[in-house]
């Protein structure tokens, strides 16, 4: 890891040490991008979010009613600024880097949602992320109603009781809506989801080093996510980094029942690593972006 990347990683750690309400979501997302773009001017891009909020305020001409502010926010981002979902290259890693999303006006549900959240928060709107399965959403909490905003679909606004329609698009009508699908996403949740997306993109591209970086940062957010220990161990083993792989696979193995099929598989893999056998493809799951 280069010195700038190490510095970005440490700054990311420092951000995670804050309480939930103090975490600067946009800064943390940009620090994730810094390991891809070591010279990234983080403050410049934070300023871009400030400028977007100022454009909305200019268009409001002093209006402060939350629903009108929301309408103007959506119109500014998705009509005036032309932020949109990247339907032609959904798995392009740039869709997960906030700086690229701000430059290109292209993203996936999560990163476009982060833009919407950050600009909306600057305007004083009561917005929160929603951990909807396979399609991140933003919720607006008004005095008399809650609305769901789909940043990937040009800021489409729905009532919460219309969420089943979106779920049907994702699952073809095979899954019924549950309250958990509309649970609020913490800032840590969103950062973990962002890194999970990047991990999936890099696994699909067989870019092990970048996948390792994504999983390492996932474990900074979710050290209890034992399945990520397995993924990291398998990636490290494939890269010939045996000692590091043994550490993570050992921790994963300790969490498993002795009789499990995966336990026997990991034990066999550990024996092969200790024997110095080459491991071209120990088997890794691939994931999609949300």
Protein backbone atom coordinates (compact mmCIF):
# COMPACT_ATOMS: atom_id res chain seq x y z
CA UNK A 1 0.00 0.00 0.00
CA UNK A 2 1.37 3.42 -0.96
CA UNK A 3 1.88 6.16 1.64
CA UNK A 4 -1.17 8.17 0.44
CA UNK A 5 -3.29 5.01 0.56
CA UNK A 6 -2.09 4.28 4.11
CA UNK A 7 -2.95 7.84 5.08
CA UNK A 8 -6.44 7.48 3.56
CA UNK A 9 -6.92 4.18 5.40
CA UNK A 10 -5.97 5.80 8.71
CA UNK A 11 -8.29 8.73 8.08
CA UNK A 12 -11.04 6.23 7.31
CA UNK A 13 -10.35 4.49 10.62
CA UNK A 14 -10.50 7.85 12.40
CA UNK A 15 -13.87 8.56 10.83
CA UNK A 16 -15.18 5.19 12.01
CA UNK A 17 -14.12 6.01 15.57
CA UNK A 18 -16.72 8.75 15.69
CA UNK A 19 -20.20 8.19 17.02
CA UNK A 20 -22.84 7.34 14.43
CA UNK A 21 -24.20 10.87 14.26
CA UNK A 22 -20.74 12.39 13.89
CA UNK A 23 -19.54 10.24 10.99
CA UNK A 24 -19.15 12.36 7.87
CA UNK A 25 -20.65 9.99 5.32
CA UNK A 26 -19.43 11.85 2.24
CA UNK A 27 -15.90 12.25 3.60
CA UNK A 28 -15.74 8.55 4.51
CA UNK A 29 -17.00 7.58 1.04
CA UNK A 30 -14.36 9.79 -0.55
CA UNK A 31 -11.68 8.26 1.68
CA UNK A 32 -12.72 4.88 0.29
CA UNK A 33 -12.12 6.31 -3.19
CA UNK A 34 -8.71 7.63 -2.11
CA UNK A 35 -7.23 4.14 -2.21
CA UNK A 36 -8.07 4.10 -5.92
CA UNK A 37 -7.17 7.78 -6.42
CA UNK A 38 -4.33 8.54 -3.97
CA UNK A 39 -4.19 12.25 -4.85
CA UNK A 40 -7.94 12.79 -4.58
CA UNK A 41 -8.76 16.30 -3.22
CA UNK A 42 -11.40 15.26 -0.69
CA UNK A 43 -12.27 18.78 0.44
CA UNK A 44 -12.83 19.90 -3.15
CA UNK A 45 -15.48 17.22 -3.63
CA UNK A 46 -17.11 18.04 -0.31
CA UNK A 47 -17.29 21.57 -1.64
CA UNK A 48 -19.09 20.27 -4.72
CA UNK A 49 -21.83 18.94 -2.46
CA UNK A 50 -22.03 22.34 -0.78
CA UNK A 51 -22.41 23.96 -4.20
CA UNK A 52 -25.25 21.62 -5.15
CA UNK A 53 -27.06 22.55 -1.94
CA UNK A 54 -26.55 26.24 -2.73
CA UNK A 55 -28.09 25.75 -6.18
CA UNK A 56 -31.18 24.23 -4.61
CA UNK A 57 -31.39 27.11 -2.14
CA UNK A 58 -31.14 29.64 -4.96
CA UNK A 59 -34.02 27.96 -6.76
CA UNK A 60 -36.12 27.89 -3.59
CA UNK A 61 -36.02 31.70 -3.25
CA UNK A 62 -36.54 31.54 0.49
CA UNK A 63 -39.13 28.75 0.56
CA UNK A 64 -38.56 26.45 3.56
CA UNK A 65 -41.52 24.02 3.57
CA UNK A 66 -39.83 20.56 3.70
CA UNK A 67 -41.92 18.97 0.95
CA UNK A 68 -41.17 21.85 -1.40
CA UNK A 69 -37.48 21.72 -0.51
CA UNK A 70 -37.53 18.00 -1.31
CA UNK A 71 -39.22 18.60 -4.65
CA UNK A 72 -36.65 21.24 -5.56
CA UNK A 73 -33.80 19.02 -4.42
CA UNK A 74 -35.00 16.17 -6.66
CA UNK A 75 -35.56 18.53 -9.60
CA UNK A 76 -32.10 20.09 -9.22
CA UNK A 77 -30.19 16.82 -8.95
CA UNK A 78 -32.05 14.72 -11.50
CA UNK A 79 -33.38 17.27 -13.99
CA UNK A 80 -31.01 20.22 -13.85
CA UNK A 81 -27.79 18.39 -12.96
CA UNK A 82 -28.80 15.14 -14.73
CA UNK A 83 -27.64 12.66 -12.11
CA UNK A 84 -28.77 9.24 -13.32
CA UNK A 85 -28.32 5.52 -12.92
CA UNK A 86 -25.59 3.95 -15.03
CA UNK A 87 -27.70 1.33 -16.79
CA UNK A 88 -25.14 0.74 -19.55
CA UNK A 89 -22.24 -0.14 -17.25
CA UNK A 90 -23.79 -0.96 -13.89
CA UNK A 91 -20.73 -2.82 -12.59
CA UNK A 92 -18.18 -0.17 -13.52
CA UNK A 93 -16.25 0.44 -10.27
CA UNK A 94 -16.46 4.18 -10.89
CA UNK A 95 -20.14 3.94 -9.98
CA UNK A 96 -19.02 3.24 -6.40
CA UNK A 97 -16.56 6.13 -6.09
CA UNK A 98 -18.27 9.31 -4.92
CA UNK A 99 -15.83 11.58 -6.76
CA UNK A 100 -16.55 9.80 -10.05
CA UNK A 101 -20.28 9.97 -9.42
CA UNK A 102 -20.04 13.72 -8.87
CA UNK A 103 -17.86 14.15 -11.99
CA UNK A 104 -19.77 11.85 -14.33
CA UNK A 105 -23.31 12.25 -12.90
CA UNK A 106 -23.55 8.45 -13.12
CA UNK A 107 -23.89 5.93 -10.32
CA UNK A 108 -25.71 3.04 -8.69
CA UNK A 109 -28.59 3.33 -6.21
CA UNK A 110 -26.28 3.62 -3.21
CA UNK A 111 -23.91 6.31 -4.44
CA UNK A 112 -26.66 8.38 -6.02
CA UNK A 113 -28.51 7.97 -2.73
CA UNK A 114 -25.49 9.28 -0.83
CA UNK A 115 -25.45 12.37 -3.05
CA UNK A 116 -29.16 12.88 -2.38
CA UNK A 117 -28.68 12.41 1.36
CA UNK A 118 -25.70 14.70 1.66
CA UNK A 119 -27.24 17.54 -0.33
CA UNK A 120 -30.55 17.09 1.47
CA UNK A 121 -28.89 17.14 4.89
CA UNK A 122 -27.21 20.40 3.97
CA UNK A 123 -30.69 21.77 3.32
CA UNK A 124 -31.99 20.60 6.68
CA UNK A 125 -34.18 17.80 5.33
CA UNK A 126 -35.00 14.81 7.50
CA UNK A 127 -33.62 12.10 5.21
CA UNK A 128 -32.24 8.66 5.92
CA UNK A 129 -30.94 5.75 3.92
CA UNK A 130 -33.07 2.61 3.59
CA UNK A 131 -31.52 -0.86 3.42
CA UNK A 132 -33.94 -2.07 0.77
CA UNK A 133 -32.76 -5.41 -0.66
CA UNK A 134 -30.66 -5.05 -3.79
CA UNK A 135 -31.80 -1.47 -4.37
CA UNK A 136 -30.81 1.26 -1.91
CA UNK A 137 -33.46 3.93 -1.26
CA UNK A 138 -33.73 7.22 0.62
CA UNK A 139 -36.57 8.00 3.01
CA UNK A 140 -38.00 11.47 3.64
CA UNK A 141 -39.78 11.80 6.95
CA UNK A 142 -42.43 14.49 6.78
CA UNK A 143 -44.79 15.63 9.51
CA UNK A 144 -47.70 13.59 8.20
CA UNK A 145 -46.12 11.01 5.89
CA UNK A 146 -42.97 9.24 4.87
CA UNK A 147 -41.83 9.03 1.25
CA UNK A 148 -39.31 6.78 -0.49
CA UNK A 149 -37.00 8.29 -3.10
CA UNK A 150 -35.28 6.16 -5.72
CA UNK A 151 -32.15 8.06 -6.70
CA UNK A 152 -31.34 5.48 -9.38
CA UNK A 153 -34.70 6.10 -11.06
CA UNK A 154 -34.32 9.88 -11.53
CA UNK A 155 -35.49 10.61 -8.00
CA UNK A 156 -38.82 8.80 -8.38
CA UNK A 157 -40.91 9.41 -5.24
CA UNK A 158 -43.20 6.73 -3.81
CA UNK A 159 -45.29 6.28 -0.71
CA UNK A 160 -44.02 3.54 1.58
CA UNK A 161 -47.02 1.34 0.78
CA UNK A 162 -45.83 1.31 -2.85
CA UNK A 163 -42.55 -0.40 -1.94
CA UNK A 164 -43.94 -3.78 -3.00
CA UNK A 165 -43.96 -2.53 -6.59
CA UNK A 166 -40.23 -1.92 -6.45
CA UNK A 167 -39.65 -5.26 -4.75
CA UNK A 168 -41.57 -6.96 -7.57
CA UNK A 169 -39.17 -5.40 -10.08
CA UNK A 170 -36.22 -6.90 -8.23
CA UNK A 171 -37.70 -10.33 -7.45
CA UNK A 172 -40.37 -10.76 -10.11
CA UNK A 173 -43.22 -10.89 -7.60
CA UNK A 174 -41.73 -13.84 -5.70
CA UNK A 175 -40.96 -11.96 -2.45
CA UNK A 176 -43.41 -10.17 -0.17
CA UNK A 177 -42.49 -6.92 1.54
CA UNK A 178 -41.32 -7.19 5.14
CA UNK A 179 -40.74 -4.39 7.67
CA UNK A 180 -37.03 -5.26 7.75
CA UNK A 181 -36.75 -4.33 4.07
CA UNK A 182 -37.56 -0.71 4.98
CA UNK A 183 -35.17 -0.51 7.93
CA UNK A 184 -33.13 2.66 8.22
CA UNK A 185 -29.47 2.40 7.21
CA UNK A 186 -26.85 3.83 9.54
CA UNK A 187 -23.83 5.58 8.11
CA UNK A 188 -21.76 2.50 8.92
CA UNK A 189 -24.33 0.37 7.10
CA UNK A 190 -23.99 2.53 4.00
CA UNK A 191 -20.20 2.44 4.07
CA UNK A 192 -20.26 -1.33 4.51
CA UNK A 193 -22.70 -1.65 1.61
CA UNK A 194 -20.44 0.53 -0.54
CA UNK A 195 -17.42 -1.65 0.20
CA UNK A 196 -19.47 -4.81 -0.34
CA UNK A 197 -20.38 -3.49 -3.78
CA UNK A 198 -16.72 -2.82 -4.57
CA UNK A 199 -15.74 -6.23 -3.29
CA UNK A 200 -18.27 -7.84 -5.63
CA UNK A 201 -17.10 -5.79 -8.61
CA UNK A 202 -13.47 -6.72 -7.99
CA UNK A 203 -14.23 -10.40 -7.40
CA UNK A 204 -16.08 -10.52 -10.70
CA UNK A 205 -13.12 -8.84 -12.40
CA UNK A 206 -10.66 -11.21 -10.63
CA UNK A 207 -8.86 -8.15 -9.26
CA UNK A 208 -7.68 -9.79 -6.05
CA UNK A 209 -5.58 -6.96 -4.66
CA UNK A 210 -8.41 -4.44 -4.83
CA UNK A 211 -10.85 -7.03 -3.49
CA UNK A 212 -8.50 -7.58 -0.54
CA UNK A 213 -8.45 -3.84 0.11
CA UNK A 214 -12.25 -3.70 0.09
CA UNK A 215 -12.61 -6.64 2.48
CA UNK A 216 -9.98 -5.25 4.86
CA UNK A 217 -11.98 -2.04 5.15
CA UNK A 218 -15.23 -3.97 5.51
CA UNK A 219 -13.71 -5.66 8.54
CA UNK A 220 -12.81 -2.27 9.99
CA UNK A 221 -16.54 -1.47 9.96
CA UNK A 222 -17.79 -4.95 10.83
CA UNK A 223 -15.02 -6.82 12.70
CA UNK A 224 -17.63 -9.39 13.75
CA UNK A 225 -18.44 -10.27 10.10
CA UNK A 226 -16.75 -13.64 10.26
CA UNK A 227 -17.69 -14.59 6.68
CA UNK A 228 -15.50 -11.72 5.50
CA UNK A 229 -12.58 -13.36 7.31
CA UNK A 230 -13.10 -16.37 5.10
CA UNK A 231 -13.22 -14.24 1.94
CA UNK A 232 -10.09 -12.36 2.95
CA UNK A 233 -8.28 -15.58 3.78
CA UNK A 234 -9.19 -17.12 0.42
CA UNK A 235 -8.06 -14.03 -1.45
CA UNK A 236 -4.77 -13.88 0.43
CA UNK A 237 -4.21 -17.59 -0.20
CA UNK A 238 -4.79 -17.09 -3.91
CA UNK A 239 -2.21 -14.29 -3.89
CA UNK A 240 0.37 -16.50 -2.19
CA UNK A 241 0.23 -14.61 1.11
CA UNK A 242 0.07 -17.77 3.16
CA UNK A 243 0.77 -16.55 6.68
CA UNK A 244 -1.85 -13.81 6.44
CA UNK A 245 -4.32 -16.26 4.91
CA UNK A 246 -3.78 -18.73 7.75
CA UNK A 247 -4.57 -16.06 10.33
CA UNK A 248 -7.93 -15.14 8.81
CA UNK A 249 -8.94 -18.67 7.85
CA UNK A 250 -8.06 -19.82 11.36
CA UNK A 251 -10.37 -17.22 12.88
CA UNK A 252 -13.13 -18.24 10.50
CA UNK A 253 -12.61 -21.92 11.28
CA UNK A 254 -12.91 -21.30 15.02
CA UNK A 255 -16.39 -19.85 14.47
CA UNK A 256 -17.71 -22.98 12.73
CA UNK A 257 -19.22 -26.14 14.19
CA UNK A 258 -16.73 -28.98 13.86
CA UNK A 259 -19.19 -31.08 11.87
CA UNK A 260 -19.91 -28.48 9.19
CA UNK A 261 -18.98 -29.15 5.58
CA UNK A 262 -17.22 -25.79 5.37
CA UNK A 263 -15.16 -26.66 8.44
CA UNK A 264 -13.71 -29.70 6.70
CA UNK A 265 -13.08 -27.70 3.54
CA UNK A 266 -11.25 -24.93 5.39
CA UNK A 267 -9.19 -27.43 7.38
CA UNK A 268 -8.09 -29.03 4.11
CA UNK A 269 -7.25 -25.64 2.64
CA UNK A 270 -5.19 -24.70 5.70
CA UNK A 271 -3.24 -27.95 5.38
CA UNK A 272 -2.50 -27.16 1.72
CA UNK A 273 -1.32 -23.65 2.57
CA UNK A 274 0.97 -24.99 5.30
CA UNK A 275 2.34 -27.52 2.82
CA UNK A 276 3.13 -24.72 0.40
CA UNK A 277 0.82 -25.98 -2.33
CA UNK A 278 -0.21 -23.45 -5.02
CA UNK A 279 -3.82 -22.30 -4.81
CA UNK A 280 -4.96 -20.90 -8.13
CA UNK A 281 -8.68 -20.79 -7.26
CA UNK A 282 -9.75 -21.71 -3.73
CA UNK A 283 -13.31 -20.62 -4.56
CA UNK A 284 -14.79 -17.19 -4.02
CA UNK A 285 -18.36 -15.97 -4.16
CA UNK A 286 -19.15 -13.09 -6.48
CA UNK A 287 -21.66 -10.37 -5.66
CA UNK A 288 -23.52 -7.59 -7.45
CA UNK A 289 -23.79 -3.89 -6.79
CA UNK A 290 -26.71 -2.19 -5.05
